[in-house]
Structures are given as structure tokens and as C-alpha cells.
N, C-alpha and C. Protein backbone atom coordinates (compact mmCIF):
# COMPACT_ATOMS: atom_id res chain seq x y z
N MET A 1 77.21 125.92 108.89
CA MET A 1 77.82 124.97 107.98
C MET A 1 78.97 124.26 108.70
N ARG A 2 79.16 122.98 108.37
CA ARG A 2 80.18 122.19 109.06
C ARG A 2 80.78 121.17 108.09
N VAL A 3 81.92 120.63 108.47
CA VAL A 3 82.49 119.49 107.76
C VAL A 3 81.69 118.27 108.18
N ILE A 4 81.27 117.47 107.22
CA ILE A 4 80.34 116.38 107.52
C ILE A 4 81.03 115.21 108.20
N THR A 5 82.13 114.73 107.62
CA THR A 5 82.78 113.56 108.20
C THR A 5 84.26 113.55 107.84
N GLY A 6 84.98 112.57 108.37
CA GLY A 6 86.40 112.46 108.08
C GLY A 6 87.26 113.05 109.18
N LEU A 7 88.48 113.43 108.84
CA LEU A 7 89.45 113.94 109.81
C LEU A 7 88.95 115.16 110.55
N ALA A 8 88.20 116.02 109.86
CA ALA A 8 87.70 117.26 110.48
C ALA A 8 86.19 117.22 110.66
N GLY A 9 85.61 116.03 110.69
CA GLY A 9 84.17 115.89 110.81
C GLY A 9 83.59 116.65 112.00
N GLY A 10 82.53 117.42 111.75
CA GLY A 10 81.87 118.18 112.81
C GLY A 10 82.42 119.57 113.01
N GLN A 11 83.57 119.88 112.41
CA GLN A 11 84.16 121.21 112.57
C GLN A 11 83.31 122.25 111.83
N PRO A 12 83.03 123.39 112.48
CA PRO A 12 82.25 124.44 111.81
C PRO A 12 83.08 125.14 110.74
N LEU A 13 82.41 125.65 109.72
CA LEU A 13 83.06 126.39 108.65
C LEU A 13 82.47 127.79 108.56
N LYS A 14 83.34 128.77 108.40
CA LYS A 14 82.87 130.13 108.17
C LYS A 14 82.37 130.25 106.73
N VAL A 15 81.39 131.14 106.53
CA VAL A 15 80.83 131.36 105.20
C VAL A 15 80.88 132.85 104.90
N PRO A 16 81.38 133.26 103.73
CA PRO A 16 81.39 134.69 103.39
C PRO A 16 79.97 135.25 103.38
N ARG A 17 79.81 136.46 103.89
CA ARG A 17 78.48 137.08 103.90
C ARG A 17 77.93 137.25 102.50
N SER A 18 78.81 137.45 101.54
CA SER A 18 78.37 137.67 100.16
C SER A 18 77.92 136.38 99.49
N LEU A 19 78.19 135.24 100.13
CA LEU A 19 77.83 133.95 99.54
C LEU A 19 76.38 133.66 99.89
N THR A 20 75.48 133.92 98.95
CA THR A 20 74.05 133.80 99.22
C THR A 20 73.55 132.37 99.07
N ARG A 21 74.32 131.50 98.44
CA ARG A 21 73.84 130.16 98.17
C ARG A 21 74.94 129.13 98.37
N PRO A 22 75.41 128.97 99.61
CA PRO A 22 76.43 127.95 99.84
C PRO A 22 75.85 126.55 99.65
N THR A 23 76.71 125.62 99.25
CA THR A 23 76.26 124.23 99.11
C THR A 23 75.84 123.70 100.47
N THR A 24 74.61 123.24 100.59
CA THR A 24 74.09 122.81 101.88
C THR A 24 74.74 121.50 102.32
N ASP A 25 74.66 121.23 103.62
CA ASP A 25 75.20 119.97 104.15
C ASP A 25 74.55 118.78 103.46
N ARG A 26 73.25 118.88 103.21
CA ARG A 26 72.52 117.77 102.58
C ARG A 26 73.07 117.47 101.18
N VAL A 27 73.28 118.53 100.39
CA VAL A 27 73.79 118.34 99.04
C VAL A 27 75.22 117.80 99.08
N ARG A 28 76.06 118.36 99.95
CA ARG A 28 77.44 117.87 100.05
C ARG A 28 77.48 116.40 100.44
N GLU A 29 76.65 116.04 101.41
CA GLU A 29 76.63 114.64 101.85
C GLU A 29 76.23 113.72 100.70
N ALA A 30 75.23 114.14 99.91
CA ALA A 30 74.79 113.33 98.78
C ALA A 30 75.88 113.22 97.71
N VAL A 31 76.54 114.33 97.43
CA VAL A 31 77.60 114.34 96.42
C VAL A 31 78.73 113.40 96.82
N PHE A 32 79.19 113.50 98.06
CA PHE A 32 80.33 112.68 98.47
C PHE A 32 79.94 111.21 98.64
N SER A 33 78.69 110.95 98.94
CA SER A 33 78.23 109.55 98.97
C SER A 33 78.29 108.96 97.57
N SER A 34 77.93 109.77 96.57
CA SER A 34 77.98 109.31 95.18
C SER A 34 79.41 109.09 94.71
N LEU A 35 80.31 109.96 95.12
CA LEU A 35 81.70 109.86 94.67
C LEU A 35 82.45 108.70 95.31
N GLY A 36 82.08 108.36 96.54
CA GLY A 36 82.67 107.21 97.22
C GLY A 36 84.19 107.23 97.26
N ASP A 37 84.81 106.15 96.75
CA ASP A 37 86.26 105.98 96.84
C ASP A 37 87.05 106.90 95.92
N LEU A 38 86.38 107.64 95.03
CA LEU A 38 87.09 108.54 94.13
C LEU A 38 87.81 109.66 94.89
N VAL A 39 87.35 109.96 96.11
CA VAL A 39 87.89 111.10 96.86
C VAL A 39 89.24 110.77 97.50
N SER A 40 89.37 109.59 98.05
CA SER A 40 90.59 109.22 98.77
C SER A 40 91.82 109.26 97.85
N GLY A 41 92.80 110.07 98.23
CA GLY A 41 94.02 110.19 97.45
C GLY A 41 93.92 111.07 96.22
N ALA A 42 92.77 111.68 96.01
CA ALA A 42 92.53 112.45 94.79
C ALA A 42 93.19 113.83 94.81
N ARG A 43 93.55 114.30 93.63
CA ARG A 43 93.89 115.70 93.43
C ARG A 43 92.61 116.41 93.00
N VAL A 44 92.24 117.46 93.71
CA VAL A 44 90.92 118.09 93.55
C VAL A 44 91.08 119.56 93.14
N LEU A 45 90.22 120.00 92.22
CA LEU A 45 90.14 121.40 91.83
C LEU A 45 88.76 121.90 92.22
N ASP A 46 88.70 122.93 93.07
CA ASP A 46 87.44 123.49 93.56
C ASP A 46 87.27 124.89 92.97
N LEU A 47 86.43 124.99 91.92
CA LEU A 47 86.20 126.26 91.22
C LEU A 47 85.03 127.01 91.83
N TYR A 48 85.10 128.34 91.83
CA TYR A 48 84.09 129.18 92.50
C TYR A 48 83.95 128.68 93.94
N ALA A 49 85.06 128.59 94.63
CA ALA A 49 85.13 127.83 95.88
C ALA A 49 84.30 128.39 97.02
N GLY A 50 84.01 129.70 97.03
CA GLY A 50 83.18 130.26 98.10
C GLY A 50 83.84 130.10 99.46
N SER A 51 83.21 129.34 100.33
CA SER A 51 83.76 129.08 101.67
C SER A 51 84.81 127.97 101.65
N GLY A 52 84.91 127.27 100.51
CA GLY A 52 85.83 126.14 100.42
C GLY A 52 85.25 124.84 100.94
N ALA A 53 83.92 124.81 101.16
CA ALA A 53 83.30 123.65 101.80
C ALA A 53 83.51 122.35 101.04
N LEU A 54 83.40 122.38 99.71
CA LEU A 54 83.55 121.15 98.93
C LEU A 54 84.99 120.65 98.97
N GLY A 55 85.94 121.55 98.80
CA GLY A 55 87.34 121.15 98.84
C GLY A 55 87.77 120.70 100.22
N ILE A 56 87.31 121.40 101.24
CA ILE A 56 87.67 121.03 102.62
C ILE A 56 87.06 119.67 102.98
N GLU A 57 85.84 119.43 102.54
CA GLU A 57 85.23 118.11 102.76
C GLU A 57 86.07 117.03 102.08
N SER A 58 86.60 117.35 100.90
CA SER A 58 87.46 116.39 100.19
C SER A 58 88.71 116.08 100.99
N LEU A 59 89.37 117.12 101.52
CA LEU A 59 90.57 116.90 102.33
C LEU A 59 90.25 116.09 103.58
N SER A 60 89.12 116.38 104.19
CA SER A 60 88.72 115.66 105.40
C SER A 60 88.51 114.18 105.11
N ARG A 61 88.09 113.88 103.87
CA ARG A 61 87.82 112.49 103.48
C ARG A 61 89.02 111.82 102.81
N GLY A 62 90.18 112.45 102.86
CA GLY A 62 91.38 111.78 102.40
C GLY A 62 91.95 112.21 101.07
N ALA A 63 91.44 113.30 100.48
CA ALA A 63 92.02 113.80 99.23
C ALA A 63 93.47 114.20 99.46
N ALA A 64 94.31 114.01 98.45
CA ALA A 64 95.73 114.33 98.59
C ALA A 64 95.97 115.83 98.58
N SER A 65 95.23 116.55 97.75
CA SER A 65 95.41 118.00 97.66
C SER A 65 94.17 118.63 97.04
N VAL A 66 93.99 119.92 97.33
CA VAL A 66 92.88 120.69 96.75
C VAL A 66 93.41 122.06 96.35
N LEU A 67 93.11 122.46 95.12
CA LEU A 67 93.37 123.83 94.68
C LEU A 67 92.04 124.57 94.66
N PHE A 68 91.93 125.59 95.51
CA PHE A 68 90.71 126.40 95.60
C PHE A 68 90.87 127.62 94.70
N VAL A 69 89.91 127.86 93.81
CA VAL A 69 89.92 129.03 92.93
C VAL A 69 88.71 129.88 93.25
N GLU A 70 88.95 131.13 93.61
CA GLU A 70 87.86 132.02 94.03
C GLU A 70 88.24 133.47 93.69
N GLU A 71 87.28 134.19 93.10
CA GLU A 71 87.54 135.57 92.70
C GLU A 71 87.52 136.54 93.88
N SER A 72 86.62 136.32 94.84
CA SER A 72 86.46 137.24 95.97
C SER A 72 87.64 137.12 96.94
N THR A 73 88.30 138.24 97.21
CA THR A 73 89.41 138.21 98.16
C THR A 73 88.92 137.91 99.58
N THR A 74 87.71 138.38 99.89
CA THR A 74 87.13 138.08 101.21
C THR A 74 86.92 136.58 101.36
N ALA A 75 86.36 135.95 100.33
CA ALA A 75 86.13 134.50 100.38
C ALA A 75 87.45 133.74 100.46
N CYS A 76 88.46 134.21 99.74
CA CYS A 76 89.78 133.56 99.80
C CYS A 76 90.33 133.58 101.22
N ARG A 77 90.16 134.70 101.89
CA ARG A 77 90.63 134.81 103.27
C ARG A 77 89.87 133.83 104.17
N ILE A 78 88.57 133.68 103.94
CA ILE A 78 87.77 132.76 104.76
C ILE A 78 88.17 131.31 104.49
N ILE A 79 88.47 130.98 103.24
CA ILE A 79 88.95 129.63 102.94
C ILE A 79 90.23 129.34 103.73
N GLU A 80 91.15 130.31 103.74
CA GLU A 80 92.39 130.14 104.50
C GLU A 80 92.09 129.94 105.98
N GLU A 81 91.15 130.71 106.52
CA GLU A 81 90.78 130.57 107.93
C GLU A 81 90.16 129.21 108.19
N ASN A 82 89.32 128.73 107.27
CA ASN A 82 88.70 127.41 107.43
C ASN A 82 89.75 126.30 107.38
N LEU A 83 90.75 126.45 106.51
CA LEU A 83 91.82 125.46 106.46
C LEU A 83 92.62 125.43 107.76
N LEU A 84 92.86 126.60 108.32
CA LEU A 84 93.58 126.67 109.59
C LEU A 84 92.78 126.07 110.73
N SER A 85 91.49 126.40 110.79
CA SER A 85 90.66 125.92 111.90
C SER A 85 90.44 124.41 111.85
N THR A 86 90.40 123.85 110.64
CA THR A 86 90.20 122.40 110.51
C THR A 86 91.52 121.63 110.57
N ARG A 87 92.65 122.36 110.48
CA ARG A 87 93.98 121.76 110.55
C ARG A 87 94.20 120.70 109.46
N LEU A 88 93.63 120.97 108.30
CA LEU A 88 93.79 120.05 107.18
C LEU A 88 94.91 120.54 106.26
N ALA A 89 95.81 119.64 105.91
CA ALA A 89 96.92 119.98 105.03
C ALA A 89 96.56 119.66 103.58
N GLY A 90 97.26 120.31 102.66
CA GLY A 90 97.09 119.99 101.24
C GLY A 90 96.26 120.99 100.47
N GLY A 91 95.80 122.06 101.12
CA GLY A 91 94.98 123.05 100.44
C GLY A 91 95.79 124.24 99.98
N MET A 92 95.51 124.71 98.77
CA MET A 92 96.14 125.92 98.24
C MET A 92 95.06 126.80 97.63
N VAL A 93 95.11 128.11 97.92
CA VAL A 93 94.10 129.05 97.44
C VAL A 93 94.68 129.91 96.34
N ARG A 94 93.97 129.98 95.19
CA ARG A 94 94.38 130.85 94.09
C ARG A 94 93.29 131.89 93.85
N PRO A 95 93.53 133.14 94.23
CA PRO A 95 92.54 134.19 93.97
C PRO A 95 92.55 134.58 92.49
N GLY A 96 91.37 134.86 91.95
CA GLY A 96 91.29 135.30 90.56
C GLY A 96 90.05 134.76 89.88
N ARG A 97 89.80 135.26 88.67
CA ARG A 97 88.66 134.78 87.89
C ARG A 97 88.91 133.36 87.42
N VAL A 98 87.86 132.55 87.49
CA VAL A 98 87.99 131.14 87.12
C VAL A 98 88.53 131.00 85.70
N SER A 99 87.98 131.76 84.75
CA SER A 99 88.40 131.64 83.35
C SER A 99 89.88 131.91 83.19
N GLN A 100 90.40 132.89 83.91
CA GLN A 100 91.82 133.24 83.80
C GLN A 100 92.71 132.18 84.45
N ILE A 101 92.29 131.70 85.63
CA ILE A 101 93.08 130.67 86.32
C ILE A 101 93.13 129.39 85.50
N LEU A 102 92.00 129.00 84.90
CA LEU A 102 91.96 127.78 84.10
C LEU A 102 92.93 127.85 82.93
N ARG A 103 93.06 129.02 82.34
CA ARG A 103 93.98 129.17 81.20
C ARG A 103 95.44 129.07 81.64
N SER A 104 95.70 129.32 82.92
CA SER A 104 97.09 129.34 83.39
C SER A 104 97.56 128.02 84.00
N LEU A 105 96.64 127.09 84.25
CA LEU A 105 97.02 125.84 84.91
C LEU A 105 97.60 124.84 83.91
N PRO A 106 98.67 124.14 84.28
CA PRO A 106 99.23 123.11 83.39
C PRO A 106 98.33 121.87 83.39
N SER A 107 98.29 121.18 82.26
CA SER A 107 97.43 119.99 82.16
C SER A 107 98.00 118.80 82.92
N SER A 108 99.27 118.84 83.24
CA SER A 108 99.89 117.76 84.02
C SER A 108 100.34 118.32 85.37
N PRO A 109 100.08 117.63 86.48
CA PRO A 109 99.56 116.27 86.59
C PRO A 109 98.04 116.15 86.49
N GLY A 110 97.30 117.26 86.44
CA GLY A 110 95.85 117.19 86.30
C GLY A 110 95.14 116.90 87.61
N PHE A 111 93.82 116.71 87.50
CA PHE A 111 92.98 116.52 88.69
C PHE A 111 92.06 115.31 88.50
N ASP A 112 91.81 114.62 89.60
CA ASP A 112 90.89 113.47 89.59
C ASP A 112 89.44 113.92 89.76
N LEU A 113 89.26 115.01 90.48
CA LEU A 113 87.92 115.57 90.74
C LEU A 113 87.94 117.07 90.50
N ILE A 114 86.93 117.56 89.81
CA ILE A 114 86.76 119.00 89.64
C ILE A 114 85.35 119.35 90.11
N PHE A 115 85.27 120.28 91.05
CA PHE A 115 83.99 120.82 91.50
C PHE A 115 83.82 122.22 90.93
N ALA A 116 82.61 122.54 90.50
CA ALA A 116 82.31 123.90 90.05
C ALA A 116 80.92 124.27 90.55
N ASP A 117 80.86 125.36 91.29
CA ASP A 117 79.59 125.84 91.84
C ASP A 117 79.46 127.33 91.52
N PRO A 118 79.31 127.66 90.21
CA PRO A 118 79.23 129.08 89.84
C PRO A 118 78.01 129.74 90.44
N PRO A 119 78.13 131.00 90.85
CA PRO A 119 76.96 131.71 91.39
C PRO A 119 75.91 131.84 90.30
N TYR A 120 74.72 131.36 90.57
CA TYR A 120 73.71 131.43 89.50
C TYR A 120 72.65 132.48 89.79
N ALA A 121 72.29 133.17 88.72
CA ALA A 121 71.34 134.28 88.81
C ALA A 121 69.95 133.88 88.36
N ARG A 122 69.77 132.59 88.09
CA ARG A 122 68.46 132.08 87.67
C ARG A 122 67.95 132.79 86.42
N GLY A 123 68.78 132.92 85.45
CA GLY A 123 68.40 133.60 84.23
C GLY A 123 69.50 133.49 83.19
N PRO A 124 69.46 134.37 82.17
CA PRO A 124 70.44 134.32 81.09
C PRO A 124 71.89 134.45 81.57
N GLU A 125 72.10 135.21 82.66
CA GLU A 125 73.47 135.39 83.15
C GLU A 125 74.08 134.07 83.58
N GLU A 126 73.26 133.24 84.25
CA GLU A 126 73.77 131.95 84.70
C GLU A 126 74.10 131.06 83.51
N ARG A 127 73.20 131.01 82.53
CA ARG A 127 73.44 130.17 81.36
C ARG A 127 74.71 130.60 80.64
N GLU A 128 74.95 131.89 80.56
CA GLU A 128 76.15 132.39 79.89
C GLU A 128 77.40 131.99 80.67
N GLU A 129 77.33 132.05 82.01
CA GLU A 129 78.47 131.64 82.84
C GLU A 129 78.75 130.15 82.66
N LEU A 130 77.69 129.33 82.65
CA LEU A 130 77.86 127.89 82.46
C LEU A 130 78.43 127.59 81.08
N LYS A 131 77.93 128.30 80.07
CA LYS A 131 78.41 128.10 78.70
C LYS A 131 79.90 128.43 78.60
N THR A 132 80.29 129.55 79.20
CA THR A 132 81.69 129.95 79.18
C THR A 132 82.56 128.90 79.87
N LEU A 133 82.09 128.41 81.02
CA LEU A 133 82.85 127.41 81.77
C LEU A 133 83.00 126.12 80.97
N LEU A 134 81.89 125.58 80.46
CA LEU A 134 81.91 124.30 79.77
C LEU A 134 82.68 124.36 78.46
N GLU A 135 82.78 125.55 77.88
CA GLU A 135 83.49 125.69 76.61
C GLU A 135 84.94 126.14 76.79
N THR A 136 85.38 126.32 78.04
CA THR A 136 86.77 126.69 78.27
C THR A 136 87.68 125.57 77.77
N PRO A 137 88.51 125.83 76.76
CA PRO A 137 89.26 124.73 76.13
C PRO A 137 90.24 124.02 77.05
N THR A 138 90.75 124.72 78.06
CA THR A 138 91.72 124.07 78.95
C THR A 138 91.07 123.20 80.02
N LEU A 139 89.78 123.40 80.30
CA LEU A 139 89.14 122.66 81.39
C LEU A 139 89.20 121.15 81.19
N PRO A 140 88.80 120.61 80.03
CA PRO A 140 88.86 119.15 79.88
C PRO A 140 90.28 118.59 79.92
N THR A 141 91.27 119.41 79.60
CA THR A 141 92.66 118.91 79.66
C THR A 141 93.14 118.75 81.09
N LEU A 142 92.43 119.36 82.04
CA LEU A 142 92.83 119.29 83.45
C LEU A 142 92.29 118.06 84.16
N LEU A 143 91.27 117.40 83.57
CA LEU A 143 90.66 116.24 84.21
C LEU A 143 91.36 114.97 83.76
N ARG A 144 91.85 114.22 84.71
CA ARG A 144 92.53 112.97 84.40
C ARG A 144 91.55 111.95 83.84
N PRO A 145 92.02 110.99 83.01
CA PRO A 145 91.15 109.91 82.54
C PRO A 145 90.50 109.19 83.72
N GLY A 146 89.20 108.97 83.62
CA GLY A 146 88.47 108.32 84.70
C GLY A 146 88.04 109.27 85.79
N GLY A 147 88.39 110.56 85.65
CA GLY A 147 88.01 111.55 86.65
C GLY A 147 86.56 111.99 86.51
N CYS A 148 86.11 112.80 87.46
CA CYS A 148 84.72 113.25 87.49
C CYS A 148 84.66 114.76 87.70
N PHE A 149 83.80 115.40 86.94
CA PHE A 149 83.55 116.84 87.02
C PHE A 149 82.15 117.01 87.60
N VAL A 150 82.06 117.61 88.79
CA VAL A 150 80.78 117.78 89.48
C VAL A 150 80.36 119.24 89.38
N LEU A 151 79.23 119.49 88.72
CA LEU A 151 78.78 120.85 88.44
C LEU A 151 77.45 121.12 89.12
N GLU A 152 77.39 122.21 89.89
CA GLU A 152 76.15 122.64 90.51
C GLU A 152 75.56 123.80 89.73
N SER A 153 74.23 123.79 89.60
CA SER A 153 73.54 124.88 88.91
C SER A 153 72.12 124.96 89.44
N TRP A 154 71.39 125.94 88.95
CA TRP A 154 69.99 126.10 89.33
C TRP A 154 69.18 124.96 88.73
N SER A 155 68.29 124.37 89.51
CA SER A 155 67.58 123.16 89.06
C SER A 155 66.68 123.39 87.85
N LYS A 156 66.28 124.64 87.61
CA LYS A 156 65.39 124.91 86.48
C LYS A 156 66.14 125.35 85.22
N SER A 157 67.45 125.40 85.31
CA SER A 157 68.22 125.80 84.14
C SER A 157 68.64 124.58 83.34
N ARG A 158 68.88 124.79 82.05
CA ARG A 158 69.36 123.72 81.18
C ARG A 158 70.83 123.95 80.89
N LEU A 159 71.61 122.90 81.05
CA LEU A 159 73.03 123.05 80.75
C LEU A 159 73.22 123.22 79.25
N PRO A 160 74.06 124.16 78.84
CA PRO A 160 74.34 124.33 77.41
C PRO A 160 75.01 123.07 76.87
N PRO A 161 74.79 122.73 75.60
CA PRO A 161 75.46 121.56 75.03
C PRO A 161 76.96 121.75 75.01
N ALA A 162 77.68 120.70 75.36
CA ALA A 162 79.15 120.75 75.36
C ALA A 162 79.65 119.36 74.96
N PRO A 163 79.94 119.15 73.67
CA PRO A 163 80.27 117.82 73.16
C PRO A 163 81.43 117.13 73.86
N VAL A 164 82.35 117.91 74.42
CA VAL A 164 83.52 117.30 75.06
C VAL A 164 83.16 116.59 76.36
N TRP A 165 81.98 116.92 76.93
CA TRP A 165 81.56 116.35 78.21
C TRP A 165 80.43 115.35 78.01
N HIS A 166 80.46 114.29 78.81
CA HIS A 166 79.40 113.28 78.82
C HIS A 166 78.73 113.31 80.19
N SER A 167 77.41 113.48 80.20
CA SER A 167 76.68 113.52 81.47
C SER A 167 76.46 112.10 81.99
N LEU A 168 77.00 111.83 83.18
CA LEU A 168 76.82 110.52 83.79
C LEU A 168 75.45 110.41 84.45
N ARG A 169 75.08 111.47 85.18
CA ARG A 169 73.75 111.52 85.76
C ARG A 169 73.51 112.88 86.40
N GLU A 170 72.24 113.15 86.70
CA GLU A 170 71.85 114.40 87.35
C GLU A 170 71.03 114.07 88.60
N ARG A 171 71.16 114.93 89.60
CA ARG A 171 70.35 114.81 90.82
C ARG A 171 69.86 116.20 91.22
N ARG A 172 68.60 116.29 91.58
CA ARG A 172 68.02 117.56 92.01
C ARG A 172 67.77 117.55 93.52
N TYR A 173 68.15 118.64 94.16
CA TYR A 173 67.92 118.82 95.60
C TYR A 173 67.32 120.21 95.77
N GLY A 174 65.99 120.28 95.81
CA GLY A 174 65.35 121.59 95.88
C GLY A 174 65.67 122.39 94.64
N GLU A 175 66.29 123.56 94.82
CA GLU A 175 66.63 124.43 93.69
C GLU A 175 68.04 124.17 93.15
N THR A 176 68.70 123.14 93.66
CA THR A 176 70.06 122.83 93.23
C THR A 176 70.07 121.59 92.33
N LEU A 177 70.71 121.72 91.17
CA LEU A 177 70.92 120.60 90.27
C LEU A 177 72.39 120.23 90.31
N VAL A 178 72.68 118.96 90.58
CA VAL A 178 74.06 118.47 90.57
C VAL A 178 74.21 117.55 89.37
N THR A 179 75.15 117.90 88.49
CA THR A 179 75.41 117.10 87.29
C THR A 179 76.81 116.51 87.38
N TYR A 180 76.89 115.19 87.19
CA TYR A 180 78.17 114.48 87.21
C TYR A 180 78.60 114.28 85.76
N LEU A 181 79.77 114.80 85.42
CA LEU A 181 80.25 114.77 84.04
C LEU A 181 81.58 114.03 83.95
N ALA A 182 81.79 113.40 82.81
CA ALA A 182 83.08 112.78 82.50
C ALA A 182 83.48 113.24 81.11
N LEU A 183 84.73 113.05 80.77
CA LEU A 183 85.17 113.38 79.42
C LEU A 183 84.53 112.42 78.43
N ALA A 184 83.97 112.95 77.36
CA ALA A 184 83.28 112.11 76.38
C ALA A 184 84.21 111.06 75.79
N LYS A 185 85.49 111.40 75.63
CA LYS A 185 86.44 110.46 75.04
C LYS A 185 86.73 109.28 75.95
N ASP A 186 86.37 109.38 77.25
CA ASP A 186 86.57 108.28 78.19
C ASP A 186 85.47 107.24 78.10
N GLN A 187 84.35 107.58 77.43
CA GLN A 187 83.20 106.70 77.41
C GLN A 187 83.36 105.62 76.35
N VAL A 188 83.06 104.38 76.71
CA VAL A 188 83.10 103.26 75.78
C VAL A 188 81.71 103.06 75.21
N PRO A 189 81.54 102.93 73.89
CA PRO A 189 80.21 102.73 73.32
C PRO A 189 79.48 101.58 73.98
N GLY A 190 78.24 101.84 74.37
CA GLY A 190 77.43 100.82 75.02
C GLY A 190 77.56 100.82 76.52
N GLU A 191 78.51 101.63 77.06
CA GLU A 191 78.69 101.70 78.50
C GLU A 191 78.31 103.08 78.99
N GLY A 192 78.49 103.33 80.29
CA GLY A 192 78.19 104.64 80.84
C GLY A 192 76.77 104.78 81.31
N ASP A 193 76.11 103.67 81.68
CA ASP A 193 74.76 103.72 82.23
C ASP A 193 74.75 104.61 83.45
N SER A 194 73.92 105.65 83.43
CA SER A 194 73.93 106.64 84.50
C SER A 194 73.60 106.04 85.85
N SER A 195 72.86 104.94 85.88
CA SER A 195 72.47 104.36 87.17
C SER A 195 73.66 103.74 87.89
N ASP A 196 74.73 103.43 87.14
CA ASP A 196 75.90 102.81 87.76
C ASP A 196 77.07 103.76 87.89
N SER A 197 76.87 105.03 87.59
CA SER A 197 77.94 106.01 87.58
C SER A 197 77.92 106.82 88.85
N PRO A 198 79.02 107.58 89.10
CA PRO A 198 79.04 108.43 90.31
C PRO A 198 77.90 109.41 90.33
């Protein structure tokens, strides 16, 4: 695994052995191509960060800061090592369960981009994890108006309904489904055509 482009483009990234499904280079490249100018100068929240690849790619492409949230202490250590090896500034690692960290974060100043790549078990466990995440009351308060929430899941799973979120579009890459979400209250009636969205 490597940083695709930007300040640390081409730099290799360590991956925790326990991380069985890291976001592939192909998926990351597609995601960041879709996000375009949203990344530059953005405040980013990387949930279930794993190796930190999504957040580190954001820093490499000009994000102002990234908060990495990861439960595994081993993975947290690897994120720190990846930040050191890429020499990218602006990253902070918060160890702990995503649900607990989300409840503790202040809504201001908020984040322009939120990534979430929960470990999926391809069954009821994954759906329950997604449901818990999407229904976390503090999560939508953390996304700034006009921001984007990028969620990865198993391509054969259905996202639980969550009225607070509006799906901009979905993309499938093998067994990975990437869903781009915005706050429903940000949507103007008659707008939000998925073909023109991130």
C-alpha cells in the first residue's frame, strides 16, 4: 500500500496485520478523484482508520488536518509510524471506540470530510455496526454544511435507512461499496442529482 499522489505521493504505508480489508489503492484513487477540490484545506475525520491510508492521502493532497479514530492500539501505533515516515503534518490519532469518540467530540469547528470504513463481516454484524454509526446523534452535527461523508461497506449489503443523511451516489468496486452522503437538511428540493455530486 502507498500514498497515491500529493506531497507524500509514492511513499509506502504500513498496514496492521489484523486489518484484513484495507482500502485498496484503486478505491482510494477513485474516491479522491470524486472528491476533487473538497480535500484541499479540509478538516477531515477518519473513522475506523486502520492504517490511516484515507486520512494520510487527504493530508498528502492538502487537507488542513485529520483526526484519526481507531480502536486497535496496534493500528494507532502504525498510523503514527505512517505519519512520521511520510513527514505529513496535521494528523492526530485518537484511540478508542468510534461510538465513544463521536460522543465526546465538539460540533464546532466540525469537519468538511468524514471517512468511515467499518470492518464488515458480510452479515448481520455489519448491518448492525452501520446502523449504530448512521444513527449516532452526534455524527451529523460534526459535518459542516456542504461537507461530504464517505462510507465504505460490503457491496452486497444494504445501508440501513437514516433520514438525516441524503445519498449523493454510490459506486461499487468489486466487494467494496462506496456511498457519498450529505446532510439531508443541506439538500435543496429539485437539486442533488447524483450524477453531478461527489
